[in-house]
Amino acid sequence: MSAVLPVPTLAQAVIGQAHRVKALQAPAHAPEWKQMLEELGFVAGEHVAVLARAMPGADPLVVRIGQSTFALRRAEAECVELDGSGLTGAAHA
């Protein structure tokens, strides 16, 4: 019996580990988040990494996408599905 693993999201990413965006999945209560994230550069194939999390509560996250840095709420970061494999080394500058 094989278990289906959940798709990793940006909210679950380890600080400093580089990934690629796989897809965006906005929640039903906020479908406009998908377009907002796309406009910020969160598109399939783009390099992304979490640089820091606020304390306490780890919300918001400081995120680097391409050459830009943003603060995203954890709920927004949950919309960003990662390819799951990660990239070698730290986030690309």
C-alpha atoms as a PDB file:
ATOM      1  CA  MET A   1       0.000   0.000   0.000  1.00  0.00           C
ATOM      2  CA  SER A   2       1.551   3.337  -1.015  1.00  0.00           C
ATOM      3  CA  ALA A   3       0.716   6.532   0.815  1.00  0.00           C
ATOM      4  CA  VAL A   4       0.065   9.690  -1.152  1.00  0.00           C
ATOM      5  CA  LEU A   5       2.348  12.397   0.188  1.00  0.00           C
ATOM      6  CA  PRO A   6       1.040  15.956   0.283  1.00  0.00           C
ATOM      7  CA  VAL A   7       2.555  18.418  -2.166  1.00  0.00           C
ATOM      8  CA  PRO A   8       5.146  20.530  -0.339  1.00  0.00           C
ATOM      9  CA  THR A   9       4.348  24.229  -0.163  1.00  0.00           C
ATOM     10  CA  LEU A  10       6.425  27.320   0.372  1.00  0.00           C
ATOM     11  CA  ALA A  11       5.028  27.613   3.902  1.00  0.00           C
ATOM     12  CA  GLN A  12       6.696  24.268   4.749  1.00  0.00           C
ATOM     13  CA  ALA A  13      10.070  25.036   3.139  1.00  0.00           C
ATOM     14  CA  VAL A  14      13.244  24.976   5.202  1.00  0.00           C
ATOM     15  CA  ILE A  15      14.837  28.406   5.607  1.00  0.00           C
ATOM     16  CA  GLY A  16      17.535  28.936   2.981  1.00  0.00           C
ATOM     17  CA  GLN A  17      16.728  25.863   0.881  1.00  0.00           C
ATOM     18  CA  ALA A  18      16.199  26.687  -2.801  1.00  0.00           C
ATOM     19  CA  HIS A  19      13.183  25.299  -4.645  1.00  0.00           C
ATOM     20  CA  ARG A  20      11.267  25.808  -7.850  1.00  0.00           C
ATOM     21  CA  VAL A  21       7.618  26.782  -8.035  1.00  0.00           C
ATOM     22  CA  LYS A  22       5.495  23.918  -9.342  1.00  0.00           C
ATOM     23  CA  ALA A  23       2.024  25.484  -9.324  1.00  0.00           C
ATOM     24  CA  LEU A  24      -0.305  27.837  -7.458  1.00  0.00           C
ATOM     25  CA  GLN A  25      -3.476  26.713  -5.704  1.00  0.00           C
ATOM     26  CA  ALA A  26      -5.530  29.560  -4.229  1.00  0.00           C
ATOM     27  CA  PRO A  27      -8.088  28.736  -1.526  1.00  0.00           C
ATOM     28  CA  ALA A  28     -11.775  28.901  -2.392  1.00  0.00           C
ATOM     29  CA  HIS A  29     -12.287  31.860  -0.042  1.00  0.00           C
ATOM     30  CA  ALA A  30      -9.538  33.919  -1.787  1.00  0.00           C
ATOM     31  CA  PRO A  31      -9.256  32.978  -5.482  1.00  0.00           C
ATOM     32  CA  GLU A  32      -7.671  36.382  -6.203  1.00  0.00           C
ATOM     33  CA  TRP A  33      -4.484  35.267  -4.374  1.00  0.00           C
ATOM     34  CA  LYS A  34      -3.439  33.207  -7.413  1.00  0.00           C
ATOM     35  CA  GLN A  35      -3.334  36.246  -9.682  1.00  0.00           C
ATOM     36  CA  MET A  36      -1.642  38.372  -6.999  1.00  0.00           C
ATOM     37  CA  LEU A  37       1.099  35.754  -6.546  1.00  0.00           C
ATOM     38  CA  GLU A  38       1.577  35.404 -10.315  1.00  0.00           C
ATOM     39  CA  GLU A  39       1.953  39.178 -10.626  1.00  0.00           C
ATOM     40  CA  LEU A  40       4.670  39.066  -7.934  1.00  0.00           C
ATOM     41  CA  GLY A  41       6.559  36.463  -9.992  1.00  0.00           C
ATOM     42  CA  PHE A  42       5.424  33.176  -8.466  1.00  0.00           C
ATOM     43  CA  VAL A  43       5.208  31.239 -11.730  1.00  0.00           C
ATOM     44  CA  ALA A  44       6.059  27.627 -12.547  1.00  0.00           C
ATOM     45  CA  GLY A  45       9.792  27.015 -12.789  1.00  0.00           C
ATOM     46  CA  GLU A  46      10.873  30.158 -10.920  1.00  0.00           C
ATOM     47  CA  HIS A  47      13.488  29.812  -8.158  1.00  0.00           C
ATOM     48  CA  VAL A  48      12.114  30.498  -4.677  1.00  0.00           C
ATOM     49  CA  ALA A  49      13.371  30.280  -1.095  1.00  0.00           C
ATOM     50  CA  VAL A  50      12.236  31.236   2.390  1.00  0.00           C
ATOM     51  CA  LEU A  51      14.840  33.577   3.904  1.00  0.00           C
ATOM     52  CA  ALA A  52      13.285  34.051   7.357  1.00  0.00           C
ATOM     53  CA  ARG A  53      10.145  33.654   9.434  1.00  0.00           C
ATOM     54  CA  ALA A  54       8.847  36.254  11.883  1.00  0.00           C
ATOM     55  CA  MET A  55       8.749  35.398  15.555  1.00  0.00           C
ATOM     56  CA  PRO A  56       6.605  34.456  17.327  1.00  0.00           C
ATOM     57  CA  GLY A  57       4.335  32.344  15.182  1.00  0.00           C
ATOM     58  CA  ALA A  58       6.435  32.182  11.990  1.00  0.00           C
ATOM     59  CA  ASP A  59       4.077  34.569  10.193  1.00  0.00           C
ATOM     60  CA  PRO A  60       4.857  36.346   7.883  1.00  0.00           C
ATOM     61  CA  LEU A  61       7.650  34.706   5.889  1.00  0.00           C
ATOM     62  CA  VAL A  62      10.423  36.593   4.093  1.00  0.00           C
ATOM     63  CA  VAL A  63      10.590  35.011   0.640  1.00  0.00           C
ATOM     64  CA  ARG A  64      12.953  35.448  -2.303  1.00  0.00           C
ATOM     65  CA  ILE A  65      11.454  34.807  -5.731  1.00  0.00           C
ATOM     66  CA  GLY A  66      13.840  35.331  -8.622  1.00  0.00           C
ATOM     67  CA  GLN A  67      15.629  38.604  -7.806  1.00  0.00           C
ATOM     68  CA  SER A  68      12.847  40.033  -5.581  1.00  0.00           C
ATOM     69  CA  THR A  69      12.189  39.710  -1.861  1.00  0.00           C
ATOM     70  CA  PHE A  70       8.703  39.815  -0.327  1.00  0.00           C
ATOM     71  CA  ALA A  71       6.932  39.231   2.961  1.00  0.00           C
ATOM     72  CA  LEU A  72       4.096  36.724   2.542  1.00  0.00           C
ATOM     73  CA  ARG A  73       1.571  35.589   5.070  1.00  0.00           C
ATOM     74  CA  ARG A  74       1.797  31.877   5.769  1.00  0.00           C
ATOM     75  CA  ALA A  75      -1.681  31.398   4.266  1.00  0.00           C
ATOM     76  CA  GLU A  76      -0.451  32.927   0.995  1.00  0.00           C
ATOM     77  CA  ALA A  77       2.733  30.827   1.065  1.00  0.00           C
ATOM     78  CA  GLU A  78       0.539  27.704   1.387  1.00  0.00           C
ATOM     79  CA  CYS A  79      -0.770  28.498  -2.125  1.00  0.00           C
ATOM     80  CA  VAL A  80       2.702  28.051  -3.659  1.00  0.00           C
ATOM     81  CA  GLU A  81       3.318  24.381  -4.444  1.00  0.00           C
ATOM     82  CA  LEU A  82       6.973  23.369  -4.766  1.00  0.00           C
ATOM     83  CA  ASP A  83       8.415  20.749  -7.088  1.00  0.00           C
ATOM     84  CA  GLY A  84       9.381  18.693  -4.046  1.00  0.00           C
ATOM     85  CA  SER A  85      12.961  17.987  -5.021  1.00  0.00           C
ATOM     86  CA  GLY A  86      14.598  21.205  -3.855  1.00  0.00           C
ATOM     87  CA  LEU A  87      17.723  22.567  -5.496  1.00  0.00           C
ATOM     88  CA  THR A  88      21.305  22.027  -4.463  1.00  0.00           C
ATOM     89  CA  GLY A  89      22.815  24.724  -2.300  1.00  0.00           C
ATOM     90  CA  ALA A  90      21.324  27.858  -0.857  1.00  0.00           C
ATOM     91  CA  ALA A  91      18.918  30.266  -2.471  1.00  0.00           C
ATOM     92  CA  HIS A  92      20.133  31.875  -5.666  1.00  0.00           C
ATOM     93  CA  ALA A  93      20.977  35.537  -5.320  1.00  0.00           C
END
